[in-house]
Amino acid sequence: MAKKTVKVPTRPKRDVAAEILEGMSQALAFAKGEADVSQYRVHVPQTVDVRAIRARLGMSQAMFAKTFAVEKRTLQDWEQGRREPQGPARILLTLIDREPRAVMRALTEG
């Protein structure tokens, strides 16, 4: 009995090194402010766990409010679920969560 040969389709070869270099070039251009920002999407989470962010930073409500220029009462309302951070506040809280040192540095320089 003759064996049948089945040809499996192959994927085109990828140049992974070139893809990595392209990604690095894009990141550098973005960091330098030279990128076309219209080509990027911004993701803002629907919800932010303010209490968890503050706890990770080891700050009291008073310290967090003072450091990030948020009314203490507003912070309490967010943490107790009476209100949700909206728009710019949600973006700021996301930045604080992901890059707290950068935010603190930006707020203390100058």
N, C-alpha and C. Protein backbone atom coordinates (compact mmCIF):
# COMPACT_ATOMS: atom_id res chain seq x y z
N MET A 1 0.81 -1.17 0.00
CA MET A 1 0.00 0.00 0.00
C MET A 1 0.87 1.25 0.00
N ALA A 2 0.52 2.21 -0.85
CA ALA A 2 1.30 3.44 -0.96
C ALA A 2 0.86 4.42 0.11
N LYS A 3 1.85 5.11 0.66
CA LYS A 3 1.54 6.12 1.68
C LYS A 3 1.13 7.42 0.99
N LYS A 4 0.12 8.04 1.56
CA LYS A 4 -0.29 9.34 1.05
C LYS A 4 0.50 10.42 1.77
N THR A 5 0.92 11.37 1.01
CA THR A 5 1.62 12.51 1.59
C THR A 5 0.64 13.66 1.68
N VAL A 6 0.52 14.19 2.89
CA VAL A 6 -0.37 15.33 3.11
C VAL A 6 0.50 16.55 3.31
N LYS A 7 0.24 17.56 2.51
CA LYS A 7 1.02 18.79 2.62
C LYS A 7 0.30 19.73 3.59
N VAL A 8 0.98 20.06 4.65
CA VAL A 8 0.42 20.96 5.65
C VAL A 8 0.79 22.38 5.27
N PRO A 9 -0.21 23.27 5.23
CA PRO A 9 0.12 24.65 4.88
C PRO A 9 1.06 25.26 5.92
N THR A 10 2.00 26.01 5.47
CA THR A 10 2.94 26.65 6.38
C THR A 10 2.63 28.14 6.48
N ARG A 11 2.94 28.65 7.62
CA ARG A 11 2.77 30.09 7.83
C ARG A 11 3.95 30.82 7.22
N PRO A 12 3.70 32.04 6.80
CA PRO A 12 4.84 32.81 6.30
C PRO A 12 5.82 33.04 7.45
N LYS A 13 7.08 33.05 7.13
CA LYS A 13 8.10 33.27 8.16
C LYS A 13 7.99 34.69 8.70
N ARG A 14 8.12 34.79 10.02
CA ARG A 14 8.09 36.10 10.67
C ARG A 14 9.52 36.51 10.98
N ASP A 15 9.76 37.77 10.87
CA ASP A 15 11.05 38.31 11.28
C ASP A 15 10.85 38.93 12.66
N VAL A 16 10.96 38.09 13.67
CA VAL A 16 10.67 38.51 15.05
C VAL A 16 11.60 39.64 15.48
N ALA A 17 12.84 39.57 15.12
CA ALA A 17 13.79 40.63 15.49
C ALA A 17 13.35 41.97 14.91
N ALA A 18 12.90 41.95 13.67
CA ALA A 18 12.44 43.20 13.04
C ALA A 18 11.18 43.72 13.73
N GLU A 19 10.29 42.81 14.14
CA GLU A 19 9.08 43.22 14.85
C GLU A 19 9.43 43.85 16.19
N ILE A 20 10.40 43.27 16.88
CA ILE A 20 10.82 43.83 18.18
C ILE A 20 11.43 45.21 17.98
N LEU A 21 12.29 45.34 17.00
CA LEU A 21 12.92 46.64 16.73
C LEU A 21 11.88 47.69 16.36
N GLU A 22 10.88 47.30 15.58
CA GLU A 22 9.82 48.23 15.20
C GLU A 22 9.05 48.68 16.43
N GLY A 23 8.75 47.74 17.31
CA GLY A 23 8.05 48.09 18.54
C GLY A 23 8.86 49.02 19.42
N MET A 24 10.15 48.77 19.49
CA MET A 24 11.03 49.64 20.28
C MET A 24 11.10 51.04 19.68
N SER A 25 11.16 51.11 18.37
CA SER A 25 11.18 52.41 17.69
C SER A 25 9.90 53.19 17.96
N GLN A 26 8.76 52.48 17.91
CA GLN A 26 7.48 53.13 18.18
C GLN A 26 7.42 53.63 19.63
N ALA A 27 7.89 52.81 20.56
CA ALA A 27 7.87 53.20 21.97
C ALA A 27 8.75 54.41 22.21
N LEU A 28 9.91 54.44 21.58
CA LEU A 28 10.83 55.57 21.73
C LEU A 28 10.22 56.84 21.15
N ALA A 29 9.61 56.73 19.98
CA ALA A 29 8.97 57.90 19.37
C ALA A 29 7.84 58.40 20.26
N PHE A 30 7.08 57.48 20.85
CA PHE A 30 6.00 57.87 21.74
C PHE A 30 6.55 58.58 22.97
N ALA A 31 7.61 58.03 23.56
CA ALA A 31 8.22 58.62 24.75
C ALA A 31 8.78 60.01 24.48
N LYS A 32 9.30 60.21 23.27
CA LYS A 32 9.87 61.52 22.91
C LYS A 32 8.80 62.52 22.47
N GLY A 33 7.56 62.05 22.36
CA GLY A 33 6.49 62.94 21.91
C GLY A 33 6.46 63.12 20.41
N GLU A 34 7.11 62.23 19.68
CA GLU A 34 7.19 62.34 18.23
C GLU A 34 6.21 61.43 17.51
N ALA A 35 5.47 60.61 18.26
CA ALA A 35 4.55 59.65 17.64
C ALA A 35 3.26 60.33 17.25
N ASP A 36 2.59 59.77 16.27
CA ASP A 36 1.27 60.24 15.86
C ASP A 36 0.27 59.65 16.85
N VAL A 37 -0.12 60.45 17.83
CA VAL A 37 -0.97 59.94 18.90
C VAL A 37 -2.36 59.54 18.41
N SER A 38 -2.74 59.96 17.23
CA SER A 38 -4.03 59.54 16.71
C SER A 38 -4.06 58.05 16.39
N GLN A 39 -2.90 57.43 16.35
CA GLN A 39 -2.79 56.00 16.06
C GLN A 39 -2.89 55.13 17.32
N TYR A 40 -3.00 55.75 18.48
CA TYR A 40 -3.03 55.01 19.74
C TYR A 40 -4.38 55.16 20.41
N ARG A 41 -4.80 54.10 21.09
CA ARG A 41 -6.04 54.11 21.85
C ARG A 41 -5.71 54.21 23.33
N VAL A 42 -6.52 54.95 24.05
CA VAL A 42 -6.35 55.07 25.49
C VAL A 42 -7.42 54.22 26.16
N HIS A 43 -7.01 53.40 27.10
CA HIS A 43 -7.97 52.58 27.84
C HIS A 43 -8.13 53.15 29.24
N VAL A 44 -9.35 53.54 29.57
CA VAL A 44 -9.65 54.02 30.91
C VAL A 44 -10.58 52.99 31.54
N PRO A 45 -10.16 52.38 32.65
CA PRO A 45 -11.01 51.36 33.29
C PRO A 45 -12.36 51.92 33.69
N GLN A 46 -13.37 51.07 33.65
CA GLN A 46 -14.73 51.48 34.06
C GLN A 46 -14.81 51.73 35.56
N THR A 47 -14.06 50.94 36.33
CA THR A 47 -14.07 51.11 37.78
C THR A 47 -12.64 51.15 38.29
N VAL A 48 -12.48 51.80 39.42
CA VAL A 48 -11.17 51.91 40.06
C VAL A 48 -11.37 51.60 41.54
N ASP A 49 -10.56 50.72 42.09
CA ASP A 49 -10.64 50.39 43.51
C ASP A 49 -9.73 51.34 44.29
N VAL A 50 -10.31 52.46 44.67
CA VAL A 50 -9.54 53.53 45.31
C VAL A 50 -8.94 53.06 46.64
N ARG A 51 -9.71 52.34 47.42
CA ARG A 51 -9.22 51.85 48.72
C ARG A 51 -7.99 50.96 48.52
N ALA A 52 -8.03 50.08 47.52
CA ALA A 52 -6.91 49.17 47.26
C ALA A 52 -5.67 49.96 46.81
N ILE A 53 -5.87 50.98 46.00
CA ILE A 53 -4.74 51.80 45.54
C ILE A 53 -4.09 52.48 46.74
N ARG A 54 -4.92 53.08 47.58
CA ARG A 54 -4.40 53.78 48.76
C ARG A 54 -3.69 52.80 49.69
N ALA A 55 -4.26 51.63 49.87
CA ALA A 55 -3.65 50.62 50.75
C ALA A 55 -2.30 50.17 50.21
N ARG A 56 -2.20 49.96 48.89
CA ARG A 56 -0.91 49.56 48.30
C ARG A 56 0.16 50.61 48.53
N LEU A 57 -0.26 51.86 48.57
CA LEU A 57 0.70 52.95 48.80
C LEU A 57 1.00 53.13 50.29
N GLY A 58 0.22 52.48 51.14
CA GLY A 58 0.43 52.59 52.59
C GLY A 58 0.11 53.96 53.12
N MET A 59 -0.89 54.61 52.53
CA MET A 59 -1.24 55.97 52.94
C MET A 59 -2.58 55.99 53.69
N SER A 60 -2.67 56.91 54.63
CA SER A 60 -3.96 57.16 55.27
C SER A 60 -4.83 57.93 54.28
N GLN A 61 -6.11 58.03 54.58
CA GLN A 61 -6.99 58.82 53.72
C GLN A 61 -6.52 60.27 53.67
N ALA A 62 -6.14 60.81 54.82
CA ALA A 62 -5.70 62.21 54.88
C ALA A 62 -4.45 62.42 54.03
N MET A 63 -3.49 61.51 54.14
CA MET A 63 -2.24 61.65 53.39
C MET A 63 -2.50 61.51 51.88
N PHE A 64 -3.30 60.52 51.49
CA PHE A 64 -3.60 60.31 50.07
C PHE A 64 -4.30 61.54 49.49
N ALA A 65 -5.29 62.05 50.23
CA ALA A 65 -6.04 63.22 49.77
C ALA A 65 -5.12 64.43 49.59
N LYS A 66 -4.24 64.65 50.55
CA LYS A 66 -3.33 65.79 50.47
C LYS A 66 -2.31 65.62 49.35
N THR A 67 -1.74 64.42 49.24
CA THR A 67 -0.71 64.15 48.23
C THR A 67 -1.23 64.35 46.82
N PHE A 68 -2.47 63.90 46.56
CA PHE A 68 -3.00 63.93 45.20
C PHE A 68 -4.09 64.96 44.99
N ALA A 69 -4.21 65.92 45.91
CA ALA A 69 -5.13 67.06 45.78
C ALA A 69 -6.57 66.61 45.56
N VAL A 70 -7.00 65.66 46.40
CA VAL A 70 -8.38 65.18 46.36
C VAL A 70 -9.02 65.52 47.69
N GLU A 71 -10.24 66.00 47.67
CA GLU A 71 -10.93 66.27 48.93
C GLU A 71 -11.07 64.96 49.71
N LYS A 72 -10.78 65.02 50.99
CA LYS A 72 -10.87 63.81 51.83
C LYS A 72 -12.28 63.22 51.79
N ARG A 73 -13.27 64.07 51.82
CA ARG A 73 -14.67 63.60 51.79
C ARG A 73 -14.97 62.87 50.47
N THR A 74 -14.44 63.39 49.38
CA THR A 74 -14.62 62.74 48.08
C THR A 74 -13.96 61.37 48.09
N LEU A 75 -12.77 61.30 48.63
CA LEU A 75 -12.05 60.03 48.75
C LEU A 75 -12.87 59.03 49.55
N GLN A 76 -13.43 59.48 50.67
CA GLN A 76 -14.26 58.60 51.51
C GLN A 76 -15.50 58.13 50.74
N ASP A 77 -16.11 59.04 49.99
CA ASP A 77 -17.29 58.66 49.19
C ASP A 77 -16.93 57.60 48.16
N TRP A 78 -15.78 57.73 47.52
CA TRP A 78 -15.33 56.73 46.54
C TRP A 78 -15.11 55.38 47.23
N GLU A 79 -14.40 55.41 48.34
CA GLU A 79 -14.05 54.17 49.02
C GLU A 79 -15.27 53.45 49.59
N GLN A 80 -16.27 54.20 50.00
CA GLN A 80 -17.46 53.60 50.60
C GLN A 80 -18.56 53.35 49.58
N GLY A 81 -18.27 53.60 48.31
CA GLY A 81 -19.21 53.28 47.24
C GLY A 81 -20.37 54.24 47.08
N ARG A 82 -20.31 55.40 47.73
CA ARG A 82 -21.38 56.38 47.58
C ARG A 82 -21.26 57.12 46.25
N ARG A 83 -20.03 57.20 45.75
CA ARG A 83 -19.77 57.85 44.46
C ARG A 83 -18.69 57.07 43.74
N GLU A 84 -18.63 57.25 42.43
CA GLU A 84 -17.60 56.63 41.59
C GLU A 84 -16.75 57.72 40.98
N PRO A 85 -15.43 57.55 40.93
CA PRO A 85 -14.59 58.54 40.24
C PRO A 85 -14.99 58.60 38.76
N GLN A 86 -15.04 59.80 38.23
CA GLN A 86 -15.44 60.01 36.84
C GLN A 86 -14.30 60.64 36.05
N GLY A 87 -14.31 60.46 34.74
CA GLY A 87 -13.40 61.12 33.80
C GLY A 87 -11.98 61.28 34.27
N PRO A 88 -11.54 62.54 34.41
CA PRO A 88 -10.15 62.82 34.77
C PRO A 88 -9.73 62.20 36.11
N ALA A 89 -10.64 62.13 37.06
CA ALA A 89 -10.29 61.53 38.36
C ALA A 89 -9.98 60.05 38.19
N ARG A 90 -10.76 59.35 37.36
CA ARG A 90 -10.52 57.93 37.13
C ARG A 90 -9.19 57.73 36.42
N ILE A 91 -8.86 58.63 35.50
CA ILE A 91 -7.58 58.55 34.80
C ILE A 91 -6.43 58.79 35.77
N LEU A 92 -6.55 59.82 36.61
CA LEU A 92 -5.51 60.11 37.59
C LEU A 92 -5.32 58.93 38.54
N LEU A 93 -6.41 58.35 39.01
CA LEU A 93 -6.31 57.21 39.92
C LEU A 93 -5.66 56.01 39.24
N THR A 94 -5.94 55.82 37.96
CA THR A 94 -5.31 54.72 37.21
C THR A 94 -3.81 54.96 37.12
N LEU A 95 -3.42 56.21 36.86
CA LEU A 95 -1.99 56.54 36.80
C LEU A 95 -1.33 56.35 38.16
N ILE A 96 -2.00 56.78 39.22
CA ILE A 96 -1.47 56.60 40.56
C ILE A 96 -1.29 55.11 40.85
N ASP A 97 -2.25 54.31 40.43
CA ASP A 97 -2.18 52.86 40.66
C ASP A 97 -1.01 52.24 39.91
N ARG A 98 -0.81 52.63 38.66
CA ARG A 98 0.22 51.99 37.83
C ARG A 98 1.60 52.61 37.97
N GLU A 99 1.66 53.91 38.17
CA GLU A 99 2.95 54.62 38.23
C GLU A 99 2.95 55.66 39.34
N PRO A 100 2.82 55.24 40.60
CA PRO A 100 2.70 56.21 41.69
C PRO A 100 3.91 57.13 41.82
N ARG A 101 5.10 56.60 41.62
CA ARG A 101 6.30 57.45 41.75
C ARG A 101 6.33 58.53 40.67
N ALA A 102 5.95 58.17 39.47
CA ALA A 102 5.94 59.15 38.38
C ALA A 102 4.94 60.27 38.66
N VAL A 103 3.77 59.91 39.17
CA VAL A 103 2.76 60.92 39.49
C VAL A 103 3.26 61.82 40.61
N MET A 104 3.81 61.22 41.67
CA MET A 104 4.32 62.04 42.78
C MET A 104 5.45 62.94 42.33
N ARG A 105 6.32 62.40 41.48
CA ARG A 105 7.45 63.20 40.95
C ARG A 105 6.91 64.37 40.12
N ALA A 106 5.93 64.11 39.30
CA ALA A 106 5.35 65.17 38.46
C ALA A 106 4.68 66.25 39.30
N LEU A 107 4.08 65.84 40.41
CA LEU A 107 3.38 66.82 41.26
C LEU A 107 4.31 67.60 42.17
N THR A 108 5.54 67.11 42.36
CA THR A 108 6.46 67.82 43.26
C THR A 108 7.53 68.61 42.52
N GLU A 109 7.71 68.36 41.24
CA GLU A 109 8.72 69.11 40.49
C GLU A 109 8.23 70.51 40.18
N GLY A 110 9.17 71.42 40.13
CA GLY A 110 8.85 72.78 39.70
C GLY A 110 8.58 73.64 40.83
